[in-house]
């Protein structure tokens, strides 16, 4: 039997990437809890909807991706968020400032392509 480690690799990618992403959303989630709705409005929907959608994508969604439930669907939210960050929020910034959003964008696109892997709720359903 040929051992490839694909299941373990996807599990590691899913958990590590989403855990790091979760830490970015934590501060945004706390802003909402504390009633501080000051936030940028990169696409013109208003600072409050921008903050709520970003907190959802960066704080709530990673939990579902970590456990591997509806992974492909939930990856859409961080992909949109990181696309907006890369194209609009960091417009005019040097690449070194944009790089983190691009890396997250690539990682979540990779998870949409591959799926969550063997060690996920999706695989058990």
N, C-alpha and C. Protein backbone atom coordinates (compact mmCIF):
# COMPACT_ATOMS: atom_id res chain seq x y z
N UNK A 1 0.84 -1.18 0.00
CA UNK A 1 0.00 0.00 0.00
C UNK A 1 0.89 1.24 0.00
N UNK A 2 0.58 2.14 -0.89
CA UNK A 2 1.36 3.37 -0.99
C UNK A 2 0.82 4.41 -0.01
N UNK A 3 1.68 4.92 0.84
CA UNK A 3 1.29 5.93 1.82
C UNK A 3 1.65 7.30 1.27
N UNK A 4 0.66 8.18 1.16
CA UNK A 4 0.94 9.51 0.62
C UNK A 4 0.90 10.61 1.67
N UNK A 5 0.15 10.41 2.74
CA UNK A 5 0.06 11.45 3.76
C UNK A 5 -0.86 12.60 3.39
N UNK A 6 -1.64 12.44 2.33
CA UNK A 6 -2.52 13.52 1.88
C UNK A 6 -3.53 13.92 2.95
N UNK A 7 -4.13 12.94 3.60
CA UNK A 7 -5.12 13.24 4.64
C UNK A 7 -4.51 14.04 5.78
N UNK A 8 -3.32 13.62 6.22
CA UNK A 8 -2.65 14.34 7.30
C UNK A 8 -2.22 15.72 6.85
N UNK A 9 -1.76 15.83 5.62
CA UNK A 9 -1.33 17.14 5.10
C UNK A 9 -2.48 18.13 5.02
N UNK A 10 -3.63 17.67 4.54
CA UNK A 10 -4.79 18.55 4.46
C UNK A 10 -5.31 18.91 5.84
N UNK A 11 -5.26 17.95 6.76
CA UNK A 11 -5.66 18.24 8.15
C UNK A 11 -4.75 19.33 8.74
N UNK A 12 -3.44 19.17 8.55
CA UNK A 12 -2.49 20.15 9.06
C UNK A 12 -2.72 21.52 8.42
N UNK A 13 -2.90 21.56 7.12
CA UNK A 13 -3.14 22.82 6.41
C UNK A 13 -4.42 23.48 6.92
N UNK A 14 -5.48 22.70 7.03
CA UNK A 14 -6.78 23.23 7.47
C UNK A 14 -6.70 23.79 8.89
N UNK A 15 -6.12 23.03 9.80
CA UNK A 15 -6.08 23.43 11.20
C UNK A 15 -5.10 24.59 11.43
N UNK A 16 -3.91 24.50 10.87
CA UNK A 16 -2.91 25.56 11.12
C UNK A 16 -3.33 26.88 10.48
N UNK A 17 -3.76 26.84 9.23
CA UNK A 17 -4.16 28.06 8.53
C UNK A 17 -5.36 28.71 9.20
N UNK A 18 -6.36 27.91 9.54
CA UNK A 18 -7.57 28.45 10.16
C UNK A 18 -7.31 28.94 11.58
N UNK A 19 -6.42 28.28 12.30
CA UNK A 19 -6.09 28.72 13.66
C UNK A 19 -5.41 30.09 13.64
N UNK A 20 -4.48 30.27 12.73
CA UNK A 20 -3.83 31.57 12.60
C UNK A 20 -4.82 32.64 12.15
N UNK A 21 -5.69 32.27 11.23
CA UNK A 21 -6.70 33.20 10.73
C UNK A 21 -7.66 33.60 11.86
N UNK A 22 -7.99 32.65 12.71
CA UNK A 22 -8.87 32.88 13.86
C UNK A 22 -8.32 33.98 14.76
N UNK A 23 -7.00 34.02 14.94
CA UNK A 23 -6.40 35.04 15.82
C UNK A 23 -6.61 36.45 15.26
N UNK A 24 -6.69 36.59 13.94
CA UNK A 24 -6.95 37.90 13.34
C UNK A 24 -8.40 38.33 13.59
N UNK A 25 -9.29 37.38 13.59
CA UNK A 25 -10.70 37.68 13.80
C UNK A 25 -11.07 37.95 15.25
N UNK A 26 -10.25 37.44 16.17
CA UNK A 26 -10.55 37.60 17.59
C UNK A 26 -10.67 39.07 17.98
N UNK A 27 -9.73 39.89 17.55
CA UNK A 27 -9.76 41.32 17.90
C UNK A 27 -10.98 42.00 17.28
N UNK A 28 -11.36 41.59 16.10
CA UNK A 28 -12.55 42.17 15.46
C UNK A 28 -13.82 41.74 16.20
N UNK A 29 -13.86 40.50 16.63
CA UNK A 29 -14.99 39.99 17.40
C UNK A 29 -15.11 40.76 18.72
N UNK A 30 -13.98 41.02 19.38
CA UNK A 30 -14.00 41.78 20.64
C UNK A 30 -14.49 43.21 20.41
N UNK A 31 -14.14 43.80 19.27
CA UNK A 31 -14.63 45.15 18.96
C UNK A 31 -16.16 45.16 18.93
N UNK A 32 -16.74 44.15 18.33
CA UNK A 32 -18.20 44.06 18.25
C UNK A 32 -18.80 43.88 19.64
N UNK A 33 -18.22 42.97 20.42
CA UNK A 33 -18.71 42.71 21.78
C UNK A 33 -18.65 43.98 22.63
N UNK A 34 -17.59 44.75 22.47
CA UNK A 34 -17.40 45.98 23.25
C UNK A 34 -18.14 47.18 22.67
N UNK A 35 -18.84 47.01 21.57
CA UNK A 35 -19.61 48.10 20.99
C UNK A 35 -18.80 49.10 20.19
N UNK A 36 -17.56 48.76 19.86
CA UNK A 36 -16.70 49.64 19.07
C UNK A 36 -16.81 49.22 17.60
N UNK A 37 -17.58 49.98 16.83
CA UNK A 37 -17.83 49.61 15.44
C UNK A 37 -16.99 50.42 14.46
N UNK A 38 -15.91 51.04 14.94
CA UNK A 38 -15.02 51.75 14.02
C UNK A 38 -14.25 50.72 13.20
N UNK A 39 -14.32 50.87 11.90
CA UNK A 39 -13.67 49.92 11.01
C UNK A 39 -13.58 50.56 9.64
N UNK A 40 -12.69 50.07 8.83
CA UNK A 40 -12.57 50.60 7.47
C UNK A 40 -13.74 50.12 6.61
N UNK A 41 -13.95 50.81 5.52
CA UNK A 41 -15.04 50.48 4.61
C UNK A 41 -14.47 50.38 3.19
N UNK A 42 -13.73 49.31 2.90
CA UNK A 42 -13.01 49.24 1.63
C UNK A 42 -13.88 49.07 0.39
N UNK A 43 -15.11 48.55 0.54
CA UNK A 43 -15.93 48.33 -0.66
C UNK A 43 -17.24 49.11 -0.63
N UNK A 44 -17.38 50.04 0.30
CA UNK A 44 -18.52 50.94 0.30
C UNK A 44 -19.82 50.41 0.86
N UNK A 45 -19.77 49.40 1.73
CA UNK A 45 -21.01 48.90 2.33
C UNK A 45 -21.23 49.46 3.74
N UNK A 46 -20.29 50.26 4.20
CA UNK A 46 -20.37 50.84 5.53
C UNK A 46 -19.43 50.13 6.50
N UNK A 47 -18.95 50.86 7.51
CA UNK A 47 -18.00 50.25 8.44
C UNK A 47 -18.60 49.15 9.31
N UNK A 48 -19.87 49.27 9.71
CA UNK A 48 -20.47 48.25 10.58
C UNK A 48 -20.66 46.93 9.83
N UNK A 49 -21.29 46.93 8.65
CA UNK A 49 -21.37 45.66 7.92
C UNK A 49 -20.00 45.09 7.56
N UNK A 50 -19.04 45.96 7.25
CA UNK A 50 -17.69 45.49 6.93
C UNK A 50 -17.07 44.79 8.13
N UNK A 51 -17.23 45.37 9.31
CA UNK A 51 -16.68 44.77 10.53
C UNK A 51 -17.37 43.44 10.84
N UNK A 52 -18.68 43.41 10.76
CA UNK A 52 -19.42 42.19 11.08
C UNK A 52 -19.07 41.06 10.11
N UNK A 53 -19.04 41.36 8.82
CA UNK A 53 -18.69 40.34 7.84
C UNK A 53 -17.25 39.86 7.99
N UNK A 54 -16.35 40.78 8.28
CA UNK A 54 -14.94 40.41 8.47
C UNK A 54 -14.77 39.57 9.73
N UNK A 55 -15.43 39.97 10.82
CA UNK A 55 -15.36 39.19 12.06
C UNK A 55 -15.94 37.79 11.85
N UNK A 56 -17.03 37.69 11.12
CA UNK A 56 -17.62 36.38 10.81
C UNK A 56 -16.63 35.53 10.03
N UNK A 57 -16.04 36.11 8.98
CA UNK A 57 -15.12 35.37 8.11
C UNK A 57 -13.83 34.98 8.82
N UNK A 58 -13.37 35.82 9.76
CA UNK A 58 -12.08 35.58 10.39
C UNK A 58 -12.18 34.93 11.77
N UNK A 59 -13.35 34.95 12.39
CA UNK A 59 -13.47 34.42 13.76
C UNK A 59 -14.40 33.21 13.84
N UNK A 60 -15.54 33.26 13.18
CA UNK A 60 -16.51 32.16 13.26
C UNK A 60 -16.19 31.07 12.23
N UNK A 61 -15.99 31.47 10.99
CA UNK A 61 -15.76 30.53 9.90
C UNK A 61 -14.56 29.61 10.14
N UNK A 62 -13.42 30.09 10.66
CA UNK A 62 -12.29 29.18 10.88
C UNK A 62 -12.62 27.99 11.79
N UNK A 63 -13.56 28.16 12.69
CA UNK A 63 -13.96 27.05 13.56
C UNK A 63 -14.53 25.91 12.72
N UNK A 64 -15.39 26.25 11.77
CA UNK A 64 -15.99 25.23 10.90
C UNK A 64 -14.95 24.60 9.98
N UNK A 65 -14.00 25.39 9.53
CA UNK A 65 -12.96 24.85 8.66
C UNK A 65 -12.04 23.93 9.46
N UNK A 66 -11.73 24.30 10.69
CA UNK A 66 -10.88 23.45 11.54
C UNK A 66 -11.50 22.07 11.72
N UNK A 67 -12.79 22.02 12.02
CA UNK A 67 -13.42 20.72 12.23
C UNK A 67 -13.77 20.02 10.92
N UNK A 68 -13.65 20.75 9.83
CA UNK A 68 -13.87 20.15 8.52
C UNK A 68 -15.33 19.95 8.18
N UNK A 69 -16.18 20.89 8.57
CA UNK A 69 -17.61 20.80 8.27
C UNK A 69 -17.98 21.83 7.21
N UNK A 70 -18.51 21.36 6.10
CA UNK A 70 -18.88 22.24 4.97
C UNK A 70 -17.69 23.11 4.55
N UNK A 71 -16.53 22.50 4.51
CA UNK A 71 -15.28 23.22 4.32
C UNK A 71 -15.25 24.05 3.04
N UNK A 72 -15.63 23.45 1.95
CA UNK A 72 -15.58 24.19 0.68
C UNK A 72 -16.50 25.41 0.72
N UNK A 73 -17.69 25.25 1.28
CA UNK A 73 -18.61 26.38 1.40
C UNK A 73 -18.02 27.46 2.29
N UNK A 74 -17.54 27.08 3.48
CA UNK A 74 -17.04 28.08 4.42
C UNK A 74 -15.75 28.75 3.96
N UNK A 75 -14.99 28.11 3.09
CA UNK A 75 -13.77 28.75 2.57
C UNK A 75 -14.09 29.95 1.69
N UNK A 76 -15.30 30.03 1.19
CA UNK A 76 -15.68 31.17 0.34
C UNK A 76 -15.56 32.48 1.11
N UNK A 77 -15.93 32.48 2.39
CA UNK A 77 -15.92 33.72 3.19
C UNK A 77 -14.52 34.29 3.40
N UNK A 78 -13.54 33.48 3.84
CA UNK A 78 -12.19 34.05 3.94
C UNK A 78 -11.58 34.40 2.59
N UNK A 79 -11.97 33.69 1.54
CA UNK A 79 -11.46 34.03 0.21
C UNK A 79 -11.93 35.42 -0.20
N UNK A 80 -13.21 35.69 -0.02
CA UNK A 80 -13.74 37.01 -0.35
C UNK A 80 -13.09 38.08 0.52
N UNK A 81 -12.98 37.80 1.81
CA UNK A 81 -12.38 38.76 2.75
C UNK A 81 -10.93 39.07 2.38
N UNK A 82 -10.15 38.05 2.07
CA UNK A 82 -8.75 38.27 1.73
C UNK A 82 -8.60 38.90 0.34
N UNK A 83 -9.50 38.61 -0.56
CA UNK A 83 -9.49 39.28 -1.87
C UNK A 83 -9.73 40.77 -1.69
N UNK A 84 -10.73 41.12 -0.89
CA UNK A 84 -11.02 42.53 -0.61
C UNK A 84 -9.83 43.19 0.08
N UNK A 85 -9.23 42.50 1.04
CA UNK A 85 -8.07 43.06 1.74
C UNK A 85 -6.91 43.29 0.76
N UNK A 86 -6.66 42.31 -0.09
CA UNK A 86 -5.53 42.41 -1.01
C UNK A 86 -5.74 43.49 -2.07
N UNK A 87 -6.93 43.54 -2.66
CA UNK A 87 -7.19 44.45 -3.77
C UNK A 87 -7.56 45.86 -3.30
N UNK A 88 -8.42 45.96 -2.30
CA UNK A 88 -8.98 47.27 -1.93
C UNK A 88 -8.35 47.85 -0.66
N UNK A 89 -8.32 47.07 0.41
CA UNK A 89 -7.84 47.59 1.70
C UNK A 89 -6.38 48.00 1.62
N UNK A 90 -5.57 47.18 0.98
CA UNK A 90 -4.13 47.46 0.91
C UNK A 90 -3.72 48.05 -0.43
N UNK A 91 -4.67 48.63 -1.13
CA UNK A 91 -4.36 49.29 -2.40
C UNK A 91 -3.35 50.40 -2.15
N UNK A 92 -2.29 50.38 -2.88
CA UNK A 92 -1.25 51.39 -2.73
C UNK A 92 -0.19 51.03 -1.70
N UNK A 93 -0.44 49.99 -0.90
CA UNK A 93 0.57 49.56 0.07
C UNK A 93 1.66 48.77 -0.64
N UNK A 94 2.85 48.71 -0.05
CA UNK A 94 3.89 47.88 -0.64
C UNK A 94 3.49 46.40 -0.57
N UNK A 95 4.09 45.59 -1.43
CA UNK A 95 3.73 44.17 -1.48
C UNK A 95 3.92 43.48 -0.14
N UNK A 96 4.92 43.89 0.62
CA UNK A 96 5.17 43.26 1.92
C UNK A 96 3.97 43.41 2.85
N UNK A 97 3.19 44.45 2.68
CA UNK A 97 1.98 44.67 3.47
C UNK A 97 0.81 43.82 2.94
N UNK A 98 0.78 43.60 1.63
CA UNK A 98 -0.28 42.83 0.99
C UNK A 98 -0.06 41.32 1.07
N UNK A 99 1.17 40.93 1.33
CA UNK A 99 1.56 39.53 1.21
C UNK A 99 0.74 38.59 2.09
N UNK A 100 0.46 38.98 3.32
CA UNK A 100 -0.27 38.11 4.23
C UNK A 100 -1.67 37.78 3.70
N UNK A 101 -2.36 38.79 3.20
CA UNK A 101 -3.70 38.54 2.66
C UNK A 101 -3.62 37.64 1.42
N UNK A 102 -2.59 37.80 0.62
CA UNK A 102 -2.43 36.95 -0.56
C UNK A 102 -2.15 35.51 -0.16
N UNK A 103 -1.33 35.31 0.87
CA UNK A 103 -1.04 33.95 1.34
C UNK A 103 -2.30 33.26 1.85
N UNK A 104 -3.08 33.97 2.66
CA UNK A 104 -4.34 33.38 3.14
C UNK A 104 -5.28 33.09 1.97
N UNK A 105 -5.33 33.98 1.01
CA UNK A 105 -6.17 33.78 -0.18
C UNK A 105 -5.77 32.49 -0.89
N UNK A 106 -4.49 32.29 -1.09
CA UNK A 106 -3.98 31.09 -1.76
C UNK A 106 -4.30 29.84 -0.95
N UNK A 107 -4.11 29.91 0.37
CA UNK A 107 -4.37 28.73 1.21
C UNK A 107 -5.84 28.33 1.19
N UNK A 108 -6.74 29.29 1.30
CA UNK A 108 -8.16 28.94 1.32
C UNK A 108 -8.65 28.51 -0.07
N UNK A 109 -8.09 29.06 -1.12
CA UNK A 109 -8.42 28.57 -2.47
C UNK A 109 -7.95 27.12 -2.62
N UNK A 110 -6.78 26.81 -2.07
CA UNK A 110 -6.27 25.44 -2.11
C UNK A 110 -7.22 24.48 -1.41
N UNK A 111 -7.80 24.91 -0.29
CA UNK A 111 -8.74 24.05 0.43
C UNK A 111 -10.05 23.88 -0.33
N UNK A 112 -10.47 24.88 -1.07
CA UNK A 112 -11.66 24.70 -1.92
C UNK A 112 -11.38 23.67 -3.01
N UNK A 113 -10.19 23.72 -3.57
CA UNK A 113 -9.83 22.79 -4.65
C UNK A 113 -9.72 21.36 -4.12
N UNK A 114 -9.02 21.18 -3.00
CA UNK A 114 -8.74 19.83 -2.49
C UNK A 114 -9.86 19.27 -1.63
N UNK A 115 -10.61 20.14 -0.99
CA UNK A 115 -11.57 19.68 0.01
C UNK A 115 -10.85 19.51 1.34
N UNK A 116 -11.58 19.09 2.38
CA UNK A 116 -11.01 19.05 3.72
C UNK A 116 -10.11 17.86 4.00
N UNK A 117 -10.20 16.82 3.21
CA UNK A 117 -9.37 15.65 3.42
C UNK A 117 -10.04 14.59 4.27
N UNK A 118 -9.28 13.55 4.56
CA UNK A 118 -9.77 12.36 5.25
C UNK A 118 -10.23 12.64 6.67
N UNK A 119 -9.52 13.49 7.38
CA UNK A 119 -9.79 13.74 8.80
C UNK A 119 -10.68 14.97 8.95
N UNK A 120 -11.95 14.80 8.63
CA UNK A 120 -12.89 15.91 8.67
C UNK A 120 -14.30 15.37 8.87
N UNK A 121 -15.17 16.23 9.34
CA UNK A 121 -16.58 15.85 9.46
C UNK A 121 -17.16 15.60 8.06
N UNK A 122 -16.77 16.42 7.10
CA UNK A 122 -17.26 16.24 5.73
C UNK A 122 -17.00 14.82 5.23
N UNK A 123 -15.85 14.28 5.55
CA UNK A 123 -15.48 12.94 5.09
C UNK A 123 -16.31 11.86 5.78
N UNK A 124 -16.77 12.14 6.98
CA UNK A 124 -17.55 11.16 7.74
C UNK A 124 -19.02 11.17 7.37
N UNK A 125 -19.49 12.27 6.77
CA UNK A 125 -20.92 12.37 6.41
C UNK A 125 -21.22 11.73 5.08
